[in-house]
Amino acid sequence: VAALAGFLAFNPALLYYSRFMRGDPLVAAFCFAAFAMFVATVDTGRRRWFLGGVAAFALALTVKENAVLYPVCWLGAAALAVDHGLLHDREYDGEWLVLAGGYVRRTAGLVRRHLAVLAVAAVEFLAILVFFYAPRAGTADGPGLWKAIEDPGLAPEILWLSTGGAWADLWGSWIRGSHQDHSYIPFMGDFLQTMGHGALALSLLAILGFVADRYRRGGPTTVVQVGFYWGFFSVLGYPLVTDIKAPWATVNAVVALAIPAAVGFARLVRWGSEAAETADHTTLAFAVFALVVVVGQVGAANVGAVYTNPQTDGNHLVQYAQPAGDIRPVMDVFDEAGVAPGGPDVVFYGEYFVDGGPPTVPRKPGCLRWFNALPLPWYVAESDVEVQCAENATALDTTLAAADSPPAVVVARESVAANVSDSLPGYEPHTYLLRVRDTPTTFFVHEDYADRIPEEPDELPVEGPTRRIGTEGHAYSGSRAIHGR
């Protein structure tokens, strides 16, 4: 148990992707908790664990669509574990029809004995899904959850939209859409490369733990076998279902493989302990060496990939959509402007960032093209700044003229920054990459906040300012480089 907790706490991939807002760590956490509670249900027979597992899995479904893959992996893994268990079972002597009939009868008996609990679990599951998936009436005449509370006649429509309607959207866009229209081998290679960088020790120990448990005296442990097969299916499946090379998808395999990996780590410790008691110096040296290598690899990966070089292009855990450099100083200006009187605090300029139509979803700021602007909307929400948008220069001039005080920051793509620089006297431009290799974005910072931005270093980019990223993941402020943190 301690080894499992250690892997979940210190695995480089889990640490790295838990530090910024991605859905996969949350899905993995909820589904791992659900799996643990379902195991506790089987072990103890207590119903509260089952209800807790259903709630955790329902929450996972509200985070991201890949949660539907977890029960598929669980069922496949359980089937293999049961099948392997039958190799040691001679009760039915190969009569698989008799065996299958026995499983069906036992399952039917369980359902009959626990109908009330299953009914409560179904209501709990639907309540969570409806609360998170029900529309919030983005328009005055649209359906919404709070409207259904005022008008119960809308309840059937809301129930359908948040269950059957959501499933239809999932089926059309993710299952039958274009997510699988790519070559499998390159995606698998990228997935394995990320596993090698972020979970090498864990993966090797998972194999050791699986084999050691599989052939131990007394037969294999079901939960260990299920954990390994669950992780193995995840490694095979995610390169197929992801529409991009998504390194964070590896966390879905890592949480499963942590179970047999913990067994593998414990086996190394046990070998070392037994060797010390019997003065078997060769085995003791091997066990100690293996443990040192495991701990050293995890520690080195955490220091190098997670903390000291989390944004460099050579770090395989880095994904394209991350900012290349340290934009934290500008985000600190957001924080300071959010508590200052007056407003607006931040203005987004240009068609790339600004959605000219009325907002159709209750996202804030509603005027932004959300995915183009990421990760900035998250910082905006955290800072609680007042945001306005200007689609063109005329709208920007109007916004500035009507402002109670000059905005702290005006945000524009670098390609259109020259169009508005004359309208922003008293502002200093600082340009960063919103992605690892592209999307240069200029932040015009008001002179009242200019001293919050650190001075640029004297070092220039290797290929001059037109080269937007180098091997060390530079972000640019003006024509000079600011090293990524």
Protein backbone atom coordinates (compact mmCIF):
# COMPACT_ATOMS: atom_id res chain seq x y z
CA VAL A 1 0.00 0.00 0.00
CA ALA A 2 2.84 2.38 0.83
CA ALA A 3 4.52 1.62 -2.50
CA LEU A 4 1.26 2.26 -4.36
CA ALA A 5 0.82 5.58 -2.56
CA GLY A 6 4.40 6.49 -3.42
CA PHE A 7 3.92 5.79 -7.12
CA LEU A 8 0.72 7.83 -7.24
CA ALA A 9 2.39 10.70 -5.37
CA PHE A 10 5.77 10.83 -7.12
CA ASN A 11 5.35 9.42 -10.62
CA PRO A 12 6.72 12.08 -13.03
CA ALA A 13 3.83 11.86 -15.50
CA LEU A 14 1.19 12.20 -12.79
CA LEU A 15 3.08 15.05 -11.14
CA TYR A 16 3.62 16.91 -14.40
CA TYR A 17 0.07 16.76 -15.73
CA SER A 18 -1.52 17.45 -12.37
CA ARG A 19 0.18 20.87 -12.33
CA PHE A 20 -1.98 22.40 -15.05
CA MET A 21 -5.58 22.11 -16.09
CA ARG A 22 -6.06 18.91 -18.06
CA GLY A 23 -9.03 16.61 -17.70
CA ASP A 24 -7.15 13.31 -17.77
CA PRO A 25 -5.65 13.50 -14.24
CA LEU A 26 -9.13 14.15 -12.86
CA VAL A 27 -10.64 11.30 -14.88
CA ALA A 28 -7.85 8.98 -13.75
CA ALA A 29 -8.28 10.05 -10.11
CA PHE A 30 -12.05 9.57 -10.09
CA CYS A 31 -11.87 6.22 -11.91
CA PHE A 32 -9.08 4.92 -9.71
CA ALA A 33 -11.14 5.88 -6.66
CA ALA A 34 -14.18 4.15 -8.19
CA PHE A 35 -12.14 1.01 -8.86
CA ALA A 36 -10.81 1.00 -5.30
CA MET A 37 -14.32 1.36 -3.88
CA PHE A 38 -15.67 -1.42 -6.10
CA VAL A 39 -12.86 -3.68 -4.86
CA ALA A 40 -13.76 -2.71 -1.28
CA THR A 41 -17.38 -3.64 -2.06
CA VAL A 42 -16.32 -7.12 -3.14
CA ASP A 43 -14.02 -7.54 -0.14
CA THR A 44 -16.33 -6.22 2.57
CA GLY A 45 -19.82 -6.53 1.10
CA ARG A 46 -20.65 -3.05 2.38
CA ARG A 47 -23.03 -1.17 0.18
CA ARG A 48 -21.68 2.29 0.89
CA TRP A 49 -18.50 1.44 -1.02
CA PHE A 50 -20.58 0.55 -4.06
CA LEU A 51 -22.52 3.81 -3.90
CA GLY A 52 -19.27 5.73 -3.48
CA GLY A 53 -17.79 3.98 -6.52
CA VAL A 54 -20.83 4.81 -8.64
CA ALA A 55 -20.61 8.47 -7.61
CA ALA A 56 -16.88 8.62 -8.39
CA PHE A 57 -17.37 7.08 -11.82
CA ALA A 58 -20.27 9.43 -12.58
CA LEU A 59 -18.01 12.37 -11.70
CA ALA A 60 -15.36 10.97 -14.04
CA LEU A 61 -17.90 10.98 -16.87
CA THR A 62 -18.57 14.66 -16.24
CA VAL A 63 -14.88 15.54 -16.72
CA LYS A 64 -13.95 14.03 -20.08
CA GLU A 65 -15.28 11.58 -22.64
CA ASN A 66 -12.47 9.05 -22.28
CA ALA A 67 -13.99 7.95 -18.95
CA VAL A 68 -16.20 5.58 -20.97
CA LEU A 69 -13.07 3.55 -21.76
CA TYR A 70 -12.49 2.64 -18.13
CA PRO A 71 -15.35 0.14 -17.71
CA VAL A 72 -14.37 -1.39 -21.06
CA CYS A 73 -10.83 -1.93 -19.73
CA TRP A 74 -12.14 -3.18 -16.39
CA LEU A 75 -14.47 -5.74 -17.97
CA GLY A 76 -11.78 -6.99 -20.35
CA ALA A 77 -9.23 -7.18 -17.55
CA ALA A 78 -11.65 -8.97 -15.23
CA ALA A 79 -12.50 -11.49 -17.94
CA LEU A 80 -8.82 -12.32 -18.46
CA ALA A 81 -8.17 -12.54 -14.73
CA VAL A 82 -11.11 -14.90 -14.24
CA ASP A 83 -10.06 -16.98 -17.24
CA HIS A 84 -6.54 -17.36 -15.85
CA GLY A 85 -7.99 -18.29 -12.49
CA LEU A 86 -9.85 -21.16 -14.11
CA LEU A 87 -6.55 -22.73 -15.12
CA HIS A 88 -6.21 -23.72 -11.45
CA ASP A 89 -9.86 -24.69 -11.09
CA ARG A 90 -10.70 -28.28 -11.92
CA GLU A 91 -14.22 -28.22 -10.50
CA TYR A 92 -15.91 -28.01 -13.88
CA ASP A 93 -13.32 -29.96 -15.87
CA GLY A 94 -13.59 -27.74 -18.93
CA GLU A 95 -17.40 -27.63 -19.05
CA TRP A 96 -17.57 -23.97 -19.96
CA LEU A 97 -21.36 -23.96 -20.43
CA VAL A 98 -21.82 -25.19 -16.88
CA LEU A 99 -19.36 -22.59 -15.68
CA ALA A 100 -21.04 -19.77 -17.60
CA GLY A 101 -24.42 -20.83 -16.28
CA GLY A 102 -23.08 -20.71 -12.74
CA TYR A 103 -21.81 -17.16 -13.24
CA VAL A 104 -25.15 -16.06 -14.69
CA ARG A 105 -27.09 -17.55 -11.79
CA ARG A 106 -24.82 -15.97 -9.18
CA THR A 107 -25.03 -12.58 -10.92
CA ALA A 108 -28.83 -12.78 -11.12
CA GLY A 109 -28.95 -13.68 -7.43
CA LEU A 110 -26.80 -10.68 -6.52
CA VAL A 111 -29.06 -8.37 -8.51
CA ARG A 112 -32.19 -9.72 -6.81
CA ARG A 113 -30.71 -9.35 -3.33
CA HIS A 114 -29.52 -5.81 -3.92
CA LEU A 115 -32.27 -4.27 -6.05
CA ALA A 116 -32.79 -1.39 -3.63
CA VAL A 117 -29.09 -0.49 -3.65
CA LEU A 118 -28.97 -0.67 -7.44
CA ALA A 119 -32.00 1.63 -7.65
CA VAL A 120 -30.36 4.16 -5.33
CA ALA A 121 -27.14 3.92 -7.34
CA ALA A 122 -29.03 4.53 -10.59
CA VAL A 123 -30.71 7.63 -9.17
CA GLU A 124 -27.39 8.86 -7.79
CA PHE A 125 -25.68 8.27 -11.14
CA LEU A 126 -28.39 10.08 -13.12
CA ALA A 127 -28.53 12.99 -10.66
CA ILE A 128 -24.80 13.64 -11.05
CA LEU A 129 -24.92 13.39 -14.84
CA VAL A 130 -27.97 15.64 -15.11
CA PHE A 131 -26.50 18.28 -12.81
CA PHE A 132 -23.28 18.52 -14.83
CA TYR A 133 -24.58 17.91 -18.36
CA ALA A 134 -27.89 19.75 -18.28
CA PRO A 135 -27.82 22.97 -20.34
CA ARG A 136 -27.78 26.23 -18.41
CA ALA A 137 -30.00 28.24 -20.78
CA GLY A 138 -27.42 30.31 -22.61
CA THR A 139 -30.27 32.17 -24.32
CA ALA A 140 -33.54 33.56 -22.97
CA ASP A 141 -35.70 30.97 -24.76
CA GLY A 142 -33.37 27.95 -24.44
CA PRO A 143 -33.89 25.04 -22.04
CA GLY A 144 -31.93 25.06 -18.80
CA LEU A 145 -31.56 23.25 -15.51
CA TRP A 146 -32.70 26.16 -13.35
CA LYS A 147 -35.67 26.76 -15.63
CA ALA A 148 -36.69 23.12 -15.11
CA ILE A 149 -36.76 23.73 -11.35
CA GLU A 150 -39.16 26.64 -11.90
CA ASP A 151 -41.12 24.76 -14.59
CA PRO A 152 -41.17 20.97 -13.94
CA GLY A 153 -42.68 20.46 -17.38
CA LEU A 154 -39.19 20.96 -18.83
CA ALA A 155 -37.77 18.08 -16.76
CA PRO A 156 -38.17 15.35 -19.44
CA GLU A 157 -36.38 17.50 -22.03
CA ILE A 158 -33.57 18.33 -19.61
CA LEU A 159 -33.22 14.67 -18.64
CA TRP A 160 -32.93 13.66 -22.29
CA LEU A 161 -30.46 16.42 -23.20
CA SER A 162 -28.17 15.55 -20.30
CA THR A 163 -28.26 11.77 -20.88
CA GLY A 164 -29.38 10.57 -24.30
CA GLY A 165 -28.50 13.85 -26.00
CA ALA A 166 -25.05 13.95 -24.44
CA TRP A 167 -24.46 10.32 -25.43
CA ALA A 168 -25.55 11.06 -29.01
CA ASP A 169 -23.06 13.93 -29.17
CA LEU A 170 -20.34 11.67 -27.75
CA TRP A 171 -21.12 8.93 -30.25
CA GLY A 172 -21.15 11.28 -33.21
CA SER A 173 -18.05 13.30 -32.37
CA TRP A 174 -15.71 10.98 -30.46
CA ILE A 175 -16.71 7.38 -31.16
CA ARG A 176 -17.83 7.62 -34.79
CA GLY A 177 -16.12 10.91 -35.61
CA SER A 178 -12.67 11.55 -37.01
CA HIS A 179 -10.72 10.84 -33.80
CA GLN A 180 -9.48 7.52 -35.18
CA ASP A 181 -8.55 8.83 -38.63
CA HIS A 182 -4.81 8.59 -38.11
CA SER A 183 -2.00 6.09 -38.42
CA TYR A 184 -1.77 3.96 -35.30
CA ILE A 185 1.97 3.24 -35.25
CA PRO A 186 3.23 6.88 -34.90
CA PHE A 187 0.69 7.55 -32.15
CA MET A 188 1.70 4.36 -30.34
CA GLY A 189 5.37 5.28 -30.68
CA ASP A 190 4.74 8.72 -29.20
CA PHE A 191 2.69 7.20 -26.36
CA LEU A 192 5.45 4.70 -25.51
CA GLN A 193 8.08 7.44 -25.70
CA THR A 194 6.13 9.49 -23.16
CA MET A 195 5.77 6.43 -20.95
CA GLY A 196 9.53 5.97 -21.18
CA HIS A 197 10.17 9.54 -20.07
CA GLY A 198 7.44 9.76 -17.43
CA ALA A 199 6.85 6.22 -16.17
CA LEU A 200 9.82 4.01 -17.08
CA ALA A 201 10.52 2.65 -13.60
CA LEU A 202 6.82 2.15 -12.92
CA SER A 203 6.31 0.25 -16.19
CA LEU A 204 9.24 -2.11 -15.57
CA LEU A 205 8.14 -2.75 -12.00
CA ALA A 206 4.58 -3.39 -13.24
CA ILE A 207 5.88 -6.20 -15.46
CA LEU A 208 7.91 -7.60 -12.56
CA GLY A 209 4.94 -7.39 -10.20
CA PHE A 210 2.59 -9.02 -12.70
CA VAL A 211 4.92 -11.94 -13.39
CA ALA A 212 5.79 -12.44 -9.72
CA ASP A 213 2.12 -12.41 -8.73
CA ARG A 214 1.05 -14.53 -11.68
CA TYR A 215 3.28 -17.43 -10.72
CA ARG A 216 3.30 -17.10 -6.95
CA ARG A 217 2.47 -20.02 -4.69
CA GLY A 218 -1.29 -20.07 -4.16
CA GLY A 219 -2.15 -18.54 -7.52
CA PRO A 220 -2.44 -14.96 -8.75
CA THR A 221 -4.14 -12.10 -6.92
CA THR A 222 -7.13 -10.89 -8.91
CA VAL A 223 -6.71 -7.17 -8.21
CA VAL A 224 -3.05 -7.24 -9.31
CA GLN A 225 -3.87 -9.11 -12.51
CA VAL A 226 -6.78 -6.78 -13.28
CA GLY A 227 -4.57 -3.73 -12.69
CA PHE A 228 -1.94 -4.98 -15.14
CA TYR A 229 -4.44 -5.89 -17.86
CA TRP A 230 -6.25 -2.59 -17.34
CA GLY A 231 -2.99 -0.70 -17.85
CA PHE A 232 -2.00 -2.90 -20.80
CA PHE A 233 -5.32 -2.28 -22.56
CA SER A 234 -4.92 1.45 -21.90
CA VAL A 235 -1.47 1.46 -23.52
CA LEU A 236 -2.89 -0.32 -26.57
CA GLY A 237 -6.12 1.67 -26.77
CA TYR A 238 -5.34 5.32 -26.17
CA PRO A 239 -3.13 5.78 -29.26
CA LEU A 240 -6.13 4.57 -31.26
CA VAL A 241 -8.82 6.82 -29.78
CA THR A 242 -6.94 10.11 -29.28
CA ASP A 243 -7.17 12.57 -32.17
CA ILE A 244 -3.76 14.12 -31.43
CA LYS A 245 -0.52 12.86 -29.92
CA ALA A 246 -1.60 13.59 -26.38
CA PRO A 247 1.16 12.78 -23.87
CA TRP A 248 -1.17 13.42 -20.94
CA ALA A 249 -3.23 10.37 -21.99
CA THR A 250 -0.48 8.26 -20.43
CA VAL A 251 -1.81 9.06 -16.96
CA ASN A 252 -4.74 6.75 -17.69
CA ALA A 253 -2.33 3.84 -18.07
CA VAL A 254 -0.03 4.93 -15.25
CA VAL A 255 -2.69 4.80 -12.51
CA ALA A 256 -3.56 1.23 -13.49
CA LEU A 257 0.03 0.01 -13.81
CA ALA A 258 0.80 1.52 -10.39
CA ILE A 259 -1.02 -1.46 -8.82
CA PRO A 260 1.28 -4.23 -10.15
CA ALA A 261 4.24 -1.84 -9.93
CA ALA A 262 3.66 -1.55 -6.18
CA VAL A 263 3.74 -5.35 -5.98
CA GLY A 264 6.98 -5.38 -7.98
CA PHE A 265 8.57 -2.81 -5.67
CA ALA A 266 7.46 -4.75 -2.60
CA ARG A 267 8.92 -7.92 -4.11
CA LEU A 268 12.31 -6.21 -4.52
CA VAL A 269 12.20 -5.07 -0.90
CA ARG A 270 11.25 -8.57 0.23
CA TRP A 271 14.07 -10.13 -1.79
CA GLY A 272 16.52 -7.73 -0.22
CA SER A 273 15.19 -8.37 3.28
CA GLU A 274 15.32 -12.14 2.88
CA ALA A 275 18.81 -11.93 1.36
CA ALA A 276 20.02 -9.87 4.32
CA GLU A 277 18.65 -12.44 6.77
CA THR A 278 20.35 -15.34 4.96
CA ALA A 279 23.57 -13.45 4.18
CA ASP A 280 22.96 -13.88 0.44
CA HIS A 281 25.14 -10.97 -0.60
CA THR A 282 24.60 -11.42 -4.35
CA THR A 283 20.81 -11.21 -4.13
CA LEU A 284 21.05 -8.40 -1.60
CA ALA A 285 23.33 -6.39 -3.88
CA PHE A 286 20.98 -6.93 -6.83
CA ALA A 287 17.91 -5.88 -4.84
CA VAL A 288 19.59 -2.79 -3.42
CA PHE A 289 20.94 -1.82 -6.84
CA ALA A 290 17.50 -2.22 -8.43
CA LEU A 291 15.84 -0.13 -5.72
CA VAL A 292 18.45 2.60 -6.04
CA VAL A 293 17.98 2.67 -9.83
CA VAL A 294 14.19 2.87 -9.46
CA VAL A 295 14.27 5.67 -6.90
CA GLY A 296 17.02 7.48 -8.80
CA GLN A 297 15.18 7.32 -12.12
CA VAL A 298 11.97 8.65 -10.59
CA GLY A 299 13.84 11.40 -8.75
CA ALA A 300 15.89 12.43 -11.79
CA ALA A 301 12.81 12.51 -14.02
CA ASN A 302 10.93 14.64 -11.49
CA VAL A 303 13.78 17.10 -11.07
CA GLY A 304 14.55 17.39 -14.79
CA ALA A 305 11.16 17.11 -16.48
CA VAL A 306 8.76 18.37 -13.83
CA TYR A 307 10.57 21.12 -11.94
CA THR A 308 13.74 22.45 -13.56
CA ASN A 309 12.85 22.16 -17.28
CA PRO A 310 9.05 21.89 -17.44
CA GLN A 311 8.69 23.92 -20.65
CA THR A 312 11.75 23.11 -22.76
CA ASP A 313 11.18 21.64 -26.20
CA GLY A 314 13.44 18.68 -25.37
CA ASN A 315 11.13 17.61 -22.53
CA HIS A 316 8.90 14.92 -24.03
CA LEU A 317 6.21 15.52 -21.41
CA VAL A 318 5.67 18.99 -22.88
CA GLN A 319 2.66 19.26 -25.17
CA TYR A 320 2.36 21.68 -28.07
CA ALA A 321 -0.41 23.76 -26.51
CA GLN A 322 1.68 24.81 -23.49
CA PRO A 323 3.24 28.27 -23.42
CA ALA A 324 6.91 28.08 -24.35
CA GLY A 325 8.12 30.51 -21.71
CA ASP A 326 7.27 31.85 -18.31
CA ILE A 327 4.22 34.10 -18.69
CA ARG A 328 3.78 34.24 -14.92
CA PRO A 329 4.94 37.88 -14.59
CA VAL A 330 2.12 39.03 -16.86
CA MET A 331 -0.34 36.81 -15.01
CA ASP A 332 0.80 38.47 -11.78
CA VAL A 333 -0.25 41.75 -13.35
CA PHE A 334 -3.67 40.16 -13.97
CA ASP A 335 -3.87 39.31 -10.26
CA GLU A 336 -2.95 42.83 -9.17
CA ALA A 337 -5.31 44.47 -11.63
CA GLY A 338 -8.18 42.25 -10.50
CA VAL A 339 -8.21 43.78 -7.02
CA ALA A 340 -7.65 47.37 -8.16
CA PRO A 341 -10.63 49.72 -8.63
CA GLY A 342 -11.80 50.79 -12.05
CA GLY A 343 -11.86 48.82 -15.24
CA PRO A 344 -11.76 47.12 -17.58
CA ASP A 345 -8.61 45.40 -16.34
CA VAL A 346 -7.75 43.40 -19.47
CA VAL A 347 -8.74 43.95 -23.10
CA PHE A 348 -8.38 41.27 -25.78
CA TYR A 349 -7.95 42.60 -29.30
CA GLY A 350 -8.36 41.08 -32.75
CA GLU A 351 -10.36 38.40 -34.54
CA TYR A 352 -8.05 35.61 -33.37
CA PHE A 353 -9.03 36.12 -29.73
CA VAL A 354 -12.42 37.83 -30.01
CA ASP A 355 -15.67 36.07 -30.84
CA GLY A 356 -17.80 38.72 -32.49
CA GLY A 357 -21.13 36.98 -31.87
CA PRO A 358 -23.14 36.75 -28.65
CA PRO A 359 -21.95 34.09 -26.19
CA THR A 360 -23.72 30.75 -26.58
CA VAL A 361 -22.35 29.09 -23.43
CA PRO A 362 -22.00 30.39 -19.86
CA ARG A 363 -18.22 30.66 -20.06
CA LYS A 364 -16.37 33.71 -18.81
CA PRO A 365 -15.18 35.78 -20.56
CA GLY A 366 -17.96 35.06 -23.02
CA CYS A 367 -16.49 37.32 -25.71
CA LEU A 368 -13.37 35.17 -26.22
CA ARG A 369 -12.65 32.45 -28.73
CA TRP A 370 -12.01 30.11 -25.86
CA PHE A 371 -9.67 27.54 -27.39
CA ASN A 372 -7.64 30.11 -29.30
CA ALA A 373 -7.02 32.04 -26.09
CA LEU A 374 -6.13 29.11 -23.83
CA PRO A 375 -4.56 29.07 -21.29
CA LEU A 376 -5.31 32.76 -20.70
CA PRO A 377 -9.02 32.30 -19.80
CA TRP A 378 -8.02 30.15 -16.84
CA TYR A 379 -5.77 32.91 -15.49
CA VAL A 380 -8.49 35.46 -16.16
CA ALA A 381 -10.96 33.43 -14.12
CA GLU A 382 -8.44 32.93 -11.31
CA SER A 383 -7.61 36.64 -11.15
CA ASP A 384 -11.25 37.74 -11.33
CA VAL A 385 -10.32 40.58 -13.67
CA GLU A 386 -12.88 42.55 -15.64
CA VAL A 387 -12.43 41.66 -19.31
CA GLN A 388 -13.62 43.41 -22.45
CA CYS A 389 -13.02 42.49 -26.08
CA ALA A 390 -12.35 44.64 -29.13
CA GLU A 391 -12.58 42.95 -32.50
CA ASN A 392 -11.01 45.84 -34.43
CA ALA A 393 -9.12 49.10 -33.91
CA THR A 394 -12.28 51.19 -33.83
CA ALA A 395 -13.77 49.02 -31.10
CA LEU A 396 -10.51 49.23 -29.15
CA ASP A 397 -10.49 53.03 -29.30
CA THR A 398 -14.10 53.08 -28.12
CA THR A 399 -13.32 50.70 -25.26
CA LEU A 400 -10.31 52.73 -24.12
CA ALA A 401 -12.25 55.99 -24.29
CA ALA A 402 -15.10 54.60 -22.18
CA ALA A 403 -12.86 52.97 -19.57
CA ASP A 404 -12.90 54.26 -16.00
CA SER A 405 -9.13 53.78 -15.91
CA PRO A 406 -6.57 52.54 -18.43
CA PRO A 407 -6.60 48.73 -18.73
CA ALA A 408 -3.62 47.07 -17.09
CA VAL A 409 -3.05 44.79 -20.10
CA VAL A 410 -4.12 44.72 -23.74
CA VAL A 411 -3.64 41.32 -25.41
CA ALA A 412 -3.17 40.90 -29.18
CA ARG A 413 -1.56 38.49 -31.59
CA GLU A 414 1.91 39.72 -32.52
CA SER A 415 0.91 39.82 -36.19
CA VAL A 416 -1.64 42.58 -35.51
CA ALA A 417 0.09 44.30 -32.59
CA ALA A 418 1.48 47.03 -34.85
CA ASN A 419 -2.09 48.02 -35.75
CA VAL A 420 -2.83 49.13 -32.19
CA SER A 421 0.53 50.24 -30.81
CA ASP A 422 -0.20 53.89 -31.72
CA SER A 423 -3.44 53.70 -29.73
CA LEU A 424 -1.58 52.53 -26.63
CA PRO A 425 0.81 55.27 -25.47
CA GLY A 426 2.16 54.50 -22.06
CA TYR A 427 2.16 50.74 -22.67
CA GLU A 428 5.17 48.42 -22.99
CA PRO A 429 4.87 45.44 -25.38
CA HIS A 430 6.06 42.01 -24.24
CA THR A 431 5.69 39.08 -26.63
CA TYR A 432 5.47 35.45 -25.56
CA LEU A 433 4.64 32.18 -27.28
CA LEU A 434 1.28 30.79 -26.18
CA ARG A 435 2.30 27.43 -27.64
CA VAL A 436 5.57 25.56 -27.51
CA ARG A 437 6.62 26.62 -31.01
CA ASP A 438 4.20 29.27 -32.25
CA THR A 439 1.25 31.61 -31.55
CA PRO A 440 3.34 34.67 -30.59
CA THR A 441 1.15 36.94 -28.51
CA THR A 442 1.90 40.50 -27.44
CA PHE A 443 0.88 41.75 -23.99
CA PHE A 444 0.78 45.55 -23.84
CA VAL A 445 1.41 46.26 -20.15
CA HIS A 446 0.50 49.69 -18.79
CA GLU A 447 3.41 51.71 -17.43
CA ASP A 448 1.87 51.62 -13.94
CA TYR A 449 2.57 47.87 -13.93
CA ALA A 450 5.67 47.80 -16.12
CA ASP A 451 8.08 47.30 -13.24
CA ARG A 452 6.40 43.94 -12.49
CA ILE A 453 7.87 42.51 -15.71
CA PRO A 454 11.52 41.47 -15.23
CA GLU A 455 14.25 43.00 -17.32
CA GLU A 456 15.13 41.07 -20.48
CA PRO A 457 18.49 39.24 -20.44
CA ASP A 458 21.22 40.40 -22.78
CA GLU A 459 21.35 37.06 -24.62
CA LEU A 460 19.69 37.14 -28.04
CA PRO A 461 18.06 34.12 -29.76
CA VAL A 462 20.47 32.01 -31.77
CA GLU A 463 18.77 32.75 -35.06
CA GLY A 464 17.53 36.24 -34.28
CA PRO A 465 14.08 37.45 -33.31
CA THR A 466 12.35 35.90 -36.31
CA ARG A 467 13.04 32.42 -34.96
CA ARG A 468 10.26 32.02 -32.46
CA ILE A 469 11.65 29.14 -30.47
CA GLY A 470 15.00 27.58 -29.83
CA THR A 471 16.16 24.36 -28.28
CA GLU A 472 15.70 25.79 -24.79
CA GLY A 473 12.10 26.96 -25.27
CA HIS A 474 12.60 30.71 -25.32
CA ALA A 475 9.71 33.12 -25.06
CA TYR A 476 10.28 36.56 -26.43
CA SER A 477 9.74 40.02 -25.04
CA GLY A 478 10.40 42.47 -27.82
CA SER A 479 13.48 41.21 -29.62
CA ARG A 480 15.10 39.56 -26.62
CA ALA A 481 14.68 36.13 -25.08
CA ILE A 482 13.14 35.29 -21.76
CA HIS A 483 14.10 31.77 -20.81
CA GLY A 484 11.27 29.39 -20.03
CA ARG A 485 11.11 28.39 -16.39
